[in-house]
Amino acid sequence: MGGMLSWQWRDGKFLRCDSIPLADRGFRYGMSVFESFRVVNGNPLFLAEHLDLLLKSCLRLDFHPEPIPLDSVRKTLGTPGEASLFNGLARLYVTAGEGGAADGVTHSRVILFMEERAPVSEQKRENGYTLAIDPEKHRPLFGGLKTANYWGNLSALSRARLRGKDEAVLCDGEDRVLSASLANLFIVRDGRIQTPPAASGARAGVLRAWVAGRRLVHECALSADDLAGAGEIFLTSSWLGVMPARALEDRVLPSRSTALALQAEYEAEVAGPGLA
């Protein structure tokens, strides 16, 4: 298997598809929400938590998809001969379906994508990411919901990569830290783990909640000055798990100990018999 596989939820099951209609408002206007999750040997990690967040996003935007059973997603990702040994990233989209620009959402469309990806190297995971502060100011849509309007995030990532960095740190018009372009962000300062509050536009990520369930995390507004004074910075996402930062701009961070400890706990959990 190579490349990407995709399915559409119809008649109570996922059926193979390779396109969506141009009339779908998820394509025309970016009217869709999604959750992405890492898949190991056909097994989606933290699937229940991701589906719960997806449902909450749908409710906030008044989308009304059919119920999506956990077992249907797991069965699809583990289809013998296709995805039974799939390793990579899956993404579950709920679109606004077809209709006028101002019409309500009555028939959502549910699409499941699976993309093969090589895992992040062990050396990179140990050494950590290099971060750049994006010069553009960002305004998260719908309080940071994961929507198809991701161009701004990807543009920030591209600018960071052109500078030789791994990720971009996003700030709003008042220079408050929001997140990284594709991940949530934490700092460690004076022994305290801090992260931007959800109200600022930080994503309600499954791995963000995972960290908060294992360490005391203080949600508070963070500025560029807070980043400059941090002894440690780390990122979380469903793909990365827990990723320490090695440097912010040209400043090498003095520690990665908190992130590496959390990284080891995460890897032990997802490798264990209780794999979600």
C-alpha atoms as a PDB file:
ATOM      1  CA  MET A   1       0.000   0.000   0.000  1.00  0.00           C
ATOM      2  CA  GLY A   2       1.234   3.502  -0.742  1.00  0.00           C
ATOM      3  CA  GLY A   3       0.059   7.079  -0.867  1.00  0.00           C
ATOM      4  CA  MET A   4      -3.378   7.851   0.501  1.00  0.00           C
ATOM      5  CA  LEU A   5      -6.566   5.869   0.964  1.00  0.00           C
ATOM      6  CA  SER A   6      -9.960   7.460   1.502  1.00  0.00           C
ATOM      7  CA  TRP A   7     -13.463   6.426   2.466  1.00  0.00           C
ATOM      8  CA  GLN A   8     -16.853   8.119   2.736  1.00  0.00           C
ATOM      9  CA  TRP A   9     -19.372   7.244   5.438  1.00  0.00           C
ATOM     10  CA  ARG A  10     -22.586   6.132   3.724  1.00  0.00           C
ATOM     11  CA  ASP A  11     -25.428   3.858   4.781  1.00  0.00           C
ATOM     12  CA  GLY A  12     -23.832   3.043   8.101  1.00  0.00           C
ATOM     13  CA  LYS A  13     -20.385   2.078   6.823  1.00  0.00           C
ATOM     14  CA  PHE A  14     -17.234   3.462   5.234  1.00  0.00           C
ATOM     15  CA  LEU A  15     -17.064   2.920   1.474  1.00  0.00           C
ATOM     16  CA  ARG A  16     -13.997   3.532  -0.653  1.00  0.00           C
ATOM     17  CA  CYS A  17     -13.973   6.828  -2.535  1.00  0.00           C
ATOM     18  CA  ASP A  18     -11.402   9.021  -4.235  1.00  0.00           C
ATOM     19  CA  SER A  19     -13.243  12.343  -4.514  1.00  0.00           C
ATOM     20  CA  ILE A  20     -15.909  14.617  -3.096  1.00  0.00           C
ATOM     21  CA  PRO A  21     -18.363  16.685  -5.176  1.00  0.00           C
ATOM     22  CA  LEU A  22     -17.222  20.201  -6.061  1.00  0.00           C
ATOM     23  CA  ALA A  23     -20.521  21.408  -4.622  1.00  0.00           C
ATOM     24  CA  ASP A  24     -19.520  20.278  -1.129  1.00  0.00           C
ATOM     25  CA  ARG A  25     -19.088  23.380   1.025  1.00  0.00           C
ATOM     26  CA  GLY A  26     -16.108  21.785   2.717  1.00  0.00           C
ATOM     27  CA  PHE A  27     -14.322  22.257  -0.607  1.00  0.00           C
ATOM     28  CA  ARG A  28     -15.993  25.490  -1.751  1.00  0.00           C
ATOM     29  CA  TYR A  29     -15.776  27.443   1.498  1.00  0.00           C
ATOM     30  CA  GLY A  30     -13.613  25.385   3.848  1.00  0.00           C
ATOM     31  CA  MET A  31     -16.704  24.556   5.924  1.00  0.00           C
ATOM     32  CA  SER A  32     -15.464  21.421   7.641  1.00  0.00           C
ATOM     33  CA  VAL A  33     -13.960  20.251  10.911  1.00  0.00           C
ATOM     34  CA  PHE A  34     -11.541  17.404  11.432  1.00  0.00           C
ATOM     35  CA  GLU A  35      -9.519  15.339  13.853  1.00  0.00           C
ATOM     36  CA  SER A  36      -6.231  13.712  12.882  1.00  0.00           C
ATOM     37  CA  PHE A  37      -4.690  10.766  14.697  1.00  0.00           C
ATOM     38  CA  ARG A  38      -1.651   8.577  14.444  1.00  0.00           C
ATOM     39  CA  VAL A  39      -2.153   4.995  13.287  1.00  0.00           C
ATOM     40  CA  VAL A  40       0.245   2.196  14.233  1.00  0.00           C
ATOM     41  CA  ASN A  41      -0.143  -1.172  12.470  1.00  0.00           C
ATOM     42  CA  GLY A  42      -3.730  -0.297  11.605  1.00  0.00           C
ATOM     43  CA  ASN A  43      -4.546   0.736  15.169  1.00  0.00           C
ATOM     44  CA  PRO A  44      -5.707   4.361  15.696  1.00  0.00           C
ATOM     45  CA  LEU A  45      -4.271   5.921  18.841  1.00  0.00           C
ATOM     46  CA  PHE A  46      -6.680   7.641  21.264  1.00  0.00           C
ATOM     47  CA  LEU A  47      -9.536   7.183  18.806  1.00  0.00           C
ATOM     48  CA  ALA A  48     -12.324   7.598  21.378  1.00  0.00           C
ATOM     49  CA  GLU A  49     -10.866  10.904  22.539  1.00  0.00           C
ATOM     50  CA  HIS A  50     -10.524  12.174  18.976  1.00  0.00           C
ATOM     51  CA  LEU A  51     -14.098  11.239  18.081  1.00  0.00           C
ATOM     52  CA  ASP A  52     -15.333  12.980  21.206  1.00  0.00           C
ATOM     53  CA  LEU A  53     -13.526  16.193  20.236  1.00  0.00           C
ATOM     54  CA  LEU A  54     -14.831  15.926  16.675  1.00  0.00           C
ATOM     55  CA  LEU A  55     -18.396  15.602  17.931  1.00  0.00           C
ATOM     56  CA  LYS A  56     -17.954  18.647  20.176  1.00  0.00           C
ATOM     57  CA  SER A  57     -16.652  20.652  17.202  1.00  0.00           C
ATOM     58  CA  CYS A  58     -19.649  19.571  15.130  1.00  0.00           C
ATOM     59  CA  LEU A  59     -22.069  20.620  17.864  1.00  0.00           C
ATOM     60  CA  ARG A  60     -20.433  24.046  18.181  1.00  0.00           C
ATOM     61  CA  LEU A  61     -20.901  24.658  14.457  1.00  0.00           C
ATOM     62  CA  ASP A  62     -24.367  23.047  14.278  1.00  0.00           C
ATOM     63  CA  PHE A  63     -23.211  20.151  12.094  1.00  0.00           C
ATOM     64  CA  HIS A  64     -25.260  16.997  12.491  1.00  0.00           C
ATOM     65  CA  PRO A  65     -23.406  13.966  11.117  1.00  0.00           C
ATOM     66  CA  GLU A  66     -24.614  10.419  11.558  1.00  0.00           C
ATOM     67  CA  PRO A  67     -23.084   8.700  14.597  1.00  0.00           C
ATOM     68  CA  ILE A  68     -19.680   7.243  13.697  1.00  0.00           C
ATOM     69  CA  PRO A  69     -19.042   4.036  15.679  1.00  0.00           C
ATOM     70  CA  LEU A  70     -15.530   3.467  16.966  1.00  0.00           C
ATOM     71  CA  ASP A  71     -15.530  -0.078  15.652  1.00  0.00           C
ATOM     72  CA  SER A  72     -16.331   1.098  12.124  1.00  0.00           C
ATOM     73  CA  VAL A  73     -13.280   3.351  12.088  1.00  0.00           C
ATOM     74  CA  ARG A  74     -11.063   0.630  13.547  1.00  0.00           C
ATOM     75  CA  LYS A  75     -12.385  -1.960  11.077  1.00  0.00           C
ATOM     76  CA  THR A  76     -11.760   0.360   8.136  1.00  0.00           C
ATOM     77  CA  LEU A  77      -8.238   1.162   9.243  1.00  0.00           C
ATOM     78  CA  GLY A  78      -7.531  -2.529   9.695  1.00  0.00           C
ATOM     79  CA  THR A  79      -8.960  -3.787   6.389  1.00  0.00           C
ATOM     80  CA  PRO A  80      -7.035  -6.995   5.513  1.00  0.00           C
ATOM     81  CA  GLY A  81      -4.823  -6.555   2.474  1.00  0.00           C
ATOM     82  CA  GLU A  82      -5.161  -2.767   2.538  1.00  0.00           C
ATOM     83  CA  ALA A  83      -4.524  -1.088   5.858  1.00  0.00           C
ATOM     84  CA  SER A  84      -3.943  -3.906   8.318  1.00  0.00           C
ATOM     85  CA  LEU A  85      -0.315  -2.828   8.659  1.00  0.00           C
ATOM     86  CA  PHE A  86      -0.972   0.836   7.989  1.00  0.00           C
ATOM     87  CA  ASN A  87       1.398   3.243   9.730  1.00  0.00           C
ATOM     88  CA  GLY A  88       0.909   6.956   9.362  1.00  0.00           C
ATOM     89  CA  LEU A  89      -1.694   9.634   9.863  1.00  0.00           C
ATOM     90  CA  ALA A  90      -5.454   9.345   9.532  1.00  0.00           C
ATOM     91  CA  ARG A  91      -7.802  12.301   9.390  1.00  0.00           C
ATOM     92  CA  LEU A  92     -11.561  12.249   9.842  1.00  0.00           C
ATOM     93  CA  TYR A  93     -13.407  15.173   8.252  1.00  0.00           C
ATOM     94  CA  VAL A  94     -17.009  16.258   8.708  1.00  0.00           C
ATOM     95  CA  THR A  95     -18.015  18.741   6.001  1.00  0.00           C
ATOM     96  CA  ALA A  96     -21.038  21.011   5.700  1.00  0.00           C
ATOM     97  CA  GLY A  97     -22.144  19.021   2.660  1.00  0.00           C
ATOM     98  CA  GLU A  98     -23.971  20.680  -0.182  1.00  0.00           C
ATOM     99  CA  GLY A  99     -26.129  23.806  -0.018  1.00  0.00           C
ATOM    100  CA  GLY A 100     -26.066  27.551  -0.349  1.00  0.00           C
ATOM    101  CA  ALA A 101     -23.469  29.776   1.268  1.00  0.00           C
ATOM    102  CA  ALA A 102     -25.849  30.866   4.044  1.00  0.00           C
ATOM    103  CA  ASP A 103     -27.881  27.654   4.360  1.00  0.00           C
ATOM    104  CA  GLY A 104     -27.862  25.573   7.519  1.00  0.00           C
ATOM    105  CA  VAL A 105     -26.096  22.227   7.623  1.00  0.00           C
ATOM    106  CA  THR A 106     -28.588  19.405   7.144  1.00  0.00           C
ATOM    107  CA  HIS A 107     -26.581  16.654   5.427  1.00  0.00           C
ATOM    108  CA  SER A 108     -22.995  16.511   6.574  1.00  0.00           C
ATOM    109  CA  ARG A 109     -20.485  14.441   4.656  1.00  0.00           C
ATOM    110  CA  VAL A 110     -17.955  12.308   6.584  1.00  0.00           C
ATOM    111  CA  ILE A 111     -14.648  11.445   4.917  1.00  0.00           C
ATOM    112  CA  LEU A 112     -11.792   9.350   6.324  1.00  0.00           C
ATOM    113  CA  PHE A 113      -8.303   9.798   4.863  1.00  0.00           C
ATOM    114  CA  MET A 114      -5.260   7.655   5.587  1.00  0.00           C
ATOM    115  CA  GLU A 115      -1.795   8.846   4.634  1.00  0.00           C
ATOM    116  CA  GLU A 116       1.350   6.781   5.008  1.00  0.00           C
ATOM    117  CA  ARG A 117       4.152   8.625   6.785  1.00  0.00           C
ATOM    118  CA  ALA A 118       7.545   7.623   8.059  1.00  0.00           C
ATOM    119  CA  PRO A 119       7.809   8.199  11.821  1.00  0.00           C
ATOM    120  CA  VAL A 120       9.899  11.060  13.150  1.00  0.00           C
ATOM    121  CA  SER A 121      13.465   9.813  13.615  1.00  0.00           C
ATOM    122  CA  GLU A 122      14.679   8.846  17.059  1.00  0.00           C
ATOM    123  CA  GLN A 123      17.525  11.355  16.756  1.00  0.00           C
ATOM    124  CA  LYS A 124      15.092  14.180  16.006  1.00  0.00           C
ATOM    125  CA  ARG A 125      12.827  13.114  18.863  1.00  0.00           C
ATOM    126  CA  GLU A 126      15.743  13.165  21.291  1.00  0.00           C
ATOM    127  CA  ASN A 127      17.407  16.326  20.004  1.00  0.00           C
ATOM    128  CA  GLY A 128      14.193  18.273  19.565  1.00  0.00           C
ATOM    129  CA  TYR A 129      12.740  20.768  17.128  1.00  0.00           C
ATOM    130  CA  THR A 130      14.061  24.192  16.275  1.00  0.00           C
ATOM    131  CA  LEU A 131      11.391  26.899  16.454  1.00  0.00           C
ATOM    132  CA  ALA A 132      10.880  30.247  14.736  1.00  0.00           C
ATOM    133  CA  ILE A 133       8.448  32.951  15.857  1.00  0.00           C
ATOM    134  CA  ASP A 134       6.280  33.709  12.847  1.00  0.00           C
ATOM    135  CA  PRO A 135       6.253  37.440  11.987  1.00  0.00           C
ATOM    136  CA  GLU A 136       2.651  37.369  10.781  1.00  0.00           C
ATOM    137  CA  LYS A 137      -0.169  37.865  13.285  1.00  0.00           C
ATOM    138  CA  HIS A 138      -2.752  35.112  13.478  1.00  0.00           C
ATOM    139  CA  ARG A 139      -6.431  35.130  14.307  1.00  0.00           C
ATOM    140  CA  PRO A 140      -7.724  31.611  14.985  1.00  0.00           C
ATOM    141  CA  LEU A 141     -11.150  30.827  13.554  1.00  0.00           C
ATOM    142  CA  PHE A 142     -13.941  29.679  15.857  1.00  0.00           C
ATOM    143  CA  GLY A 143     -11.730  29.832  18.924  1.00  0.00           C
ATOM    144  CA  GLY A 144      -9.124  27.467  17.499  1.00  0.00           C
ATOM    145  CA  LEU A 145     -11.345  24.695  16.132  1.00  0.00           C
ATOM    146  CA  LYS A 146      -9.615  22.428  13.626  1.00  0.00           C
ATOM    147  CA  THR A 147     -11.206  23.470  10.343  1.00  0.00           C
ATOM    148  CA  ALA A 148     -10.256  23.134   6.683  1.00  0.00           C
ATOM    149  CA  ASN A 149      -9.107  26.777   6.765  1.00  0.00           C
ATOM    150  CA  TYR A 150      -5.510  25.806   7.519  1.00  0.00           C
ATOM    151  CA  TRP A 151      -3.713  27.886   4.915  1.00  0.00           C
ATOM    152  CA  GLY A 152      -2.475  30.462   7.428  1.00  0.00           C
ATOM    153  CA  ASN A 153      -0.901  27.753   9.577  1.00  0.00           C
ATOM    154  CA  LEU A 154       0.774  26.130   6.597  1.00  0.00           C
ATOM    155  CA  SER A 155       2.094  29.477   5.383  1.00  0.00           C
ATOM    156  CA  ALA A 156       3.685  30.027   8.792  1.00  0.00           C
ATOM    157  CA  LEU A 157       5.230  26.563   8.670  1.00  0.00           C
ATOM    158  CA  SER A 158       6.598  27.244   5.190  1.00  0.00           C
ATOM    159  CA  ARG A 159       8.214  30.497   6.350  1.00  0.00           C
ATOM    160  CA  ALA A 160       9.829  28.663   9.252  1.00  0.00           C
ATOM    161  CA  ARG A 161      11.121  25.876   7.013  1.00  0.00           C
ATOM    162  CA  LEU A 162      12.617  28.421   4.604  1.00  0.00           C
ATOM    163  CA  ARG A 163      14.640  29.688   7.570  1.00  0.00           C
ATOM    164  CA  GLY A 164      15.835  26.187   8.365  1.00  0.00           C
ATOM    165  CA  LYS A 165      13.525  25.709  11.381  1.00  0.00           C
ATOM    166  CA  ASP A 166      11.250  22.766  12.095  1.00  0.00           C
ATOM    167  CA  GLU A 167       8.171  24.647  13.333  1.00  0.00           C
ATOM    168  CA  ALA A 168       6.649  28.100  13.688  1.00  0.00           C
ATOM    169  CA  VAL A 169       5.267  29.707  16.847  1.00  0.00           C
ATOM    170  CA  LEU A 170       2.055  31.632  16.160  1.00  0.00           C
ATOM    171  CA  CYS A 171       1.079  34.836  17.998  1.00  0.00           C
ATOM    172  CA  ASP A 172      -2.057  36.947  17.750  1.00  0.00           C
ATOM    173  CA  GLY A 173      -2.398  40.673  17.108  1.00  0.00           C
ATOM    174  CA  GLU A 174      -1.575  41.446  20.741  1.00  0.00           C
ATOM    175  CA  ASP A 175       1.592  39.299  20.635  1.00  0.00           C
ATOM    176  CA  ARG A 176       0.061  36.552  22.775  1.00  0.00           C
ATOM    177  CA  VAL A 177       1.300  33.077  21.983  1.00  0.00           C
ATOM    178  CA  LEU A 178      -1.351  30.784  20.471  1.00  0.00           C
ATOM    179  CA  SER A 179       0.418  27.566  19.516  1.00  0.00           C
ATOM    180  CA  ALA A 180       2.812  26.171  16.970  1.00  0.00           C
ATOM    181  CA  SER A 181       1.540  25.951  13.400  1.00  0.00           C
ATOM    182  CA  LEU A 182       0.701  22.234  13.656  1.00  0.00           C
ATOM    183  CA  ALA A 183       0.932  21.579  17.383  1.00  0.00           C
ATOM    184  CA  ASN A 184       0.130  22.866  20.838  1.00  0.00           C
ATOM    185  CA  LEU A 185       2.915  24.559  22.796  1.00  0.00           C
ATOM    186  CA  PHE A 186       4.059  24.344  26.417  1.00  0.00           C
ATOM    187  CA  ILE A 187       6.832  26.133  28.272  1.00  0.00           C
ATOM    188  CA  VAL A 188       8.584  25.243  31.518  1.00  0.00           C
ATOM    189  CA  ARG A 189       9.612  28.236  33.622  1.00  0.00           C
ATOM    190  CA  ASP A 190      10.709  28.141  37.256  1.00  0.00           C
ATOM    191  CA  GLY A 191       9.546  24.538  37.459  1.00  0.00           C
ATOM    192  CA  ARG A 192       6.002  25.378  36.257  1.00  0.00           C
ATOM    193  CA  ILE A 193       4.511  23.954  33.064  1.00  0.00           C
ATOM    194  CA  GLN A 194       2.479  26.609  31.264  1.00  0.00           C
ATOM    195  CA  THR A 195       0.414  26.635  28.086  1.00  0.00           C
ATOM    196  CA  PRO A 196      -1.844  29.182  26.389  1.00  0.00           C
ATOM    197  CA  PRO A 197      -5.495  28.891  27.471  1.00  0.00           C
ATOM    198  CA  ALA A 198      -8.099  27.402  25.151  1.00  0.00           C
ATOM    199  CA  ALA A 199      -9.896  30.755  25.182  1.00  0.00           C
ATOM    200  CA  SER A 200      -6.909  32.310  23.394  1.00  0.00           C
ATOM    201  CA  GLY A 201      -7.357  30.025  20.402  1.00  0.00           C
ATOM    202  CA  ALA A 202      -5.145  27.105  21.400  1.00  0.00           C
ATOM    203  CA  ARG A 203      -6.418  23.831  19.997  1.00  0.00           C
ATOM    204  CA  ALA A 204      -8.314  21.450  22.250  1.00  0.00           C
ATOM    205  CA  GLY A 205      -5.859  18.686  21.417  1.00  0.00           C
ATOM    206  CA  VAL A 206      -5.954  15.119  22.713  1.00  0.00           C
ATOM    207  CA  LEU A 207      -2.223  15.190  23.524  1.00  0.00           C
ATOM    208  CA  ARG A 208      -2.617  18.587  25.188  1.00  0.00           C
ATOM    209  CA  ALA A 209      -5.184  17.008  27.507  1.00  0.00           C
ATOM    210  CA  TRP A 210      -2.942  13.950  27.949  1.00  0.00           C
ATOM    211  CA  VAL A 211      -0.121  16.131  29.298  1.00  0.00           C
ATOM    212  CA  ALA A 212      -2.519  17.970  31.617  1.00  0.00           C
ATOM    213  CA  GLY A 213      -3.663  14.604  32.962  1.00  0.00           C
ATOM    214  CA  ARG A 214      -0.115  13.678  33.998  1.00  0.00           C
ATOM    215  CA  ARG A 215       1.411  16.940  35.133  1.00  0.00           C
ATOM    216  CA  LEU A 216       0.166  20.095  36.791  1.00  0.00           C
ATOM    217  CA  VAL A 217      -0.281  22.489  33.871  1.00  0.00           C
ATOM    218  CA  HIS A 218      -1.085  26.170  34.292  1.00  0.00           C
ATOM    219  CA  GLU A 219      -3.152  27.733  31.505  1.00  0.00           C
ATOM    220  CA  CYS A 220      -2.191  31.386  31.180  1.00  0.00           C
ATOM    221  CA  ALA A 221      -1.510  34.055  28.598  1.00  0.00           C
ATOM    222  CA  LEU A 222       2.032  33.777  27.255  1.00  0.00           C
ATOM    223  CA  SER A 223       4.030  36.433  25.449  1.00  0.00           C
ATOM    224  CA  ALA A 224       7.239  36.464  23.455  1.00  0.00           C
ATOM    225  CA  ASP A 225       8.972  37.589  26.651  1.00  0.00           C
ATOM    226  CA  ASP A 226       7.681  34.445  28.383  1.00  0.00           C
ATOM    227  CA  LEU A 227       9.163  32.346  25.591  1.00  0.00           C
ATOM    228  CA  ALA A 228      12.460  34.183  25.949  1.00  0.00           C
ATOM    229  CA  GLY A 229      12.539  33.389  29.665  1.00  0.00           C
ATOM    230  CA  ALA A 230      11.550  29.741  29.344  1.00  0.00           C
ATOM    231  CA  GLY A 231      14.038  27.084  30.329  1.00  0.00           C
ATOM    232  CA  GLU A 232      12.203  24.531  28.229  1.00  0.00           C
ATOM    233  CA  ILE A 233       9.635  24.489  25.428  1.00  0.00           C
ATOM    234  CA  PHE A 234       7.868  21.469  24.009  1.00  0.00           C
ATOM    235  CA  LEU A 235       5.134  20.708  21.493  1.00  0.00           C
ATOM    236  CA  THR A 236       2.349  18.146  21.438  1.00  0.00           C
ATOM    237  CA  SER A 237       0.280  16.778  18.584  1.00  0.00           C
ATOM    238  CA  SER A 238      -1.268  13.493  17.606  1.00  0.00           C
ATOM    239  CA  TRP A 239       1.489  12.919  15.077  1.00  0.00           C
ATOM    240  CA  LEU A 240       4.460  14.096  17.138  1.00  0.00           C
ATOM    241  CA  GLY A 241       3.307  12.890  20.543  1.00  0.00           C
ATOM    242  CA  VAL A 242       5.565  14.985  22.789  1.00  0.00           C
ATOM    243  CA  MET A 243       8.358  16.827  20.990  1.00  0.00           C
ATOM    244  CA  PRO A 244      10.996  18.824  22.912  1.00  0.00           C
ATOM    245  CA  ALA A 245      12.321  22.042  21.419  1.00  0.00           C
ATOM    246  CA  ARG A 246      16.072  22.361  21.083  1.00  0.00           C
ATOM    247  CA  ALA A 247      16.148  26.045  20.214  1.00  0.00           C
ATOM    248  CA  LEU A 248      13.894  29.078  19.809  1.00  0.00           C
ATOM    249  CA  GLU A 249      15.196  31.319  17.044  1.00  0.00           C
ATOM    250  CA  ASP A 250      18.951  31.463  17.791  1.00  0.00           C
ATOM    251  CA  ARG A 251      18.691  30.664  21.506  1.00  0.00           C
ATOM    252  CA  VAL A 252      19.522  27.093  22.497  1.00  0.00           C
ATOM    253  CA  LEU A 253      17.205  26.053  25.315  1.00  0.00           C
ATOM    254  CA  PRO A 254      18.965  24.844  28.455  1.00  0.00           C
ATOM    255  CA  SER A 255      16.720  21.848  29.172  1.00  0.00           C
ATOM    256  CA  ARG A 256      14.597  19.138  27.562  1.00  0.00           C
ATOM    257  CA  SER A 257      14.114  17.022  30.678  1.00  0.00           C
ATOM    258  CA  THR A 258      10.369  17.518  31.206  1.00  0.00           C
ATOM    259  CA  ALA A 259       9.579  16.847  27.570  1.00  0.00           C
ATOM    260  CA  LEU A 260      11.802  13.774  27.371  1.00  0.00           C
ATOM    261  CA  ALA A 261      10.198  12.324  30.499  1.00  0.00           C
ATOM    262  CA  LEU A 262       6.711  12.900  29.069  1.00  0.00           C
ATOM    263  CA  GLN A 263       7.842  11.550  25.708  1.00  0.00           C
ATOM    264  CA  ALA A 264       8.995   8.302  27.343  1.00  0.00           C
ATOM    265  CA  GLU A 265       5.700   7.982  29.251  1.00  0.00           C
ATOM    266  CA  TYR A 266       3.709   8.552  26.074  1.00  0.00           C
ATOM    267  CA  GLU A 267       5.671   5.995  24.053  1.00  0.00           C
ATOM    268  CA  ALA A 268       5.319   3.440  26.840  1.00  0.00           C
ATOM    269  CA  GLU A 269       1.558   4.009  26.963  1.00  0.00           C
ATOM    270  CA  VAL A 270       0.904   3.676  23.244  1.00  0.00           C
ATOM    271  CA  ALA A 271       3.137   0.604  23.033  1.00  0.00           C
ATOM    272  CA  GLY A 272       1.380  -1.151  25.903  1.00  0.00           C
ATOM    273  CA  PRO A 273      -1.575  -3.564  25.978  1.00  0.00           C
ATOM    274  CA  GLY A 274      -3.975  -0.700  26.708  1.00  0.00           C
ATOM    275  CA  LEU A 275      -3.279   0.922  23.320  1.00  0.00           C
ATOM    276  CA  ALA A 276      -6.174   3.301  22.616  1.00  0.00           C
END
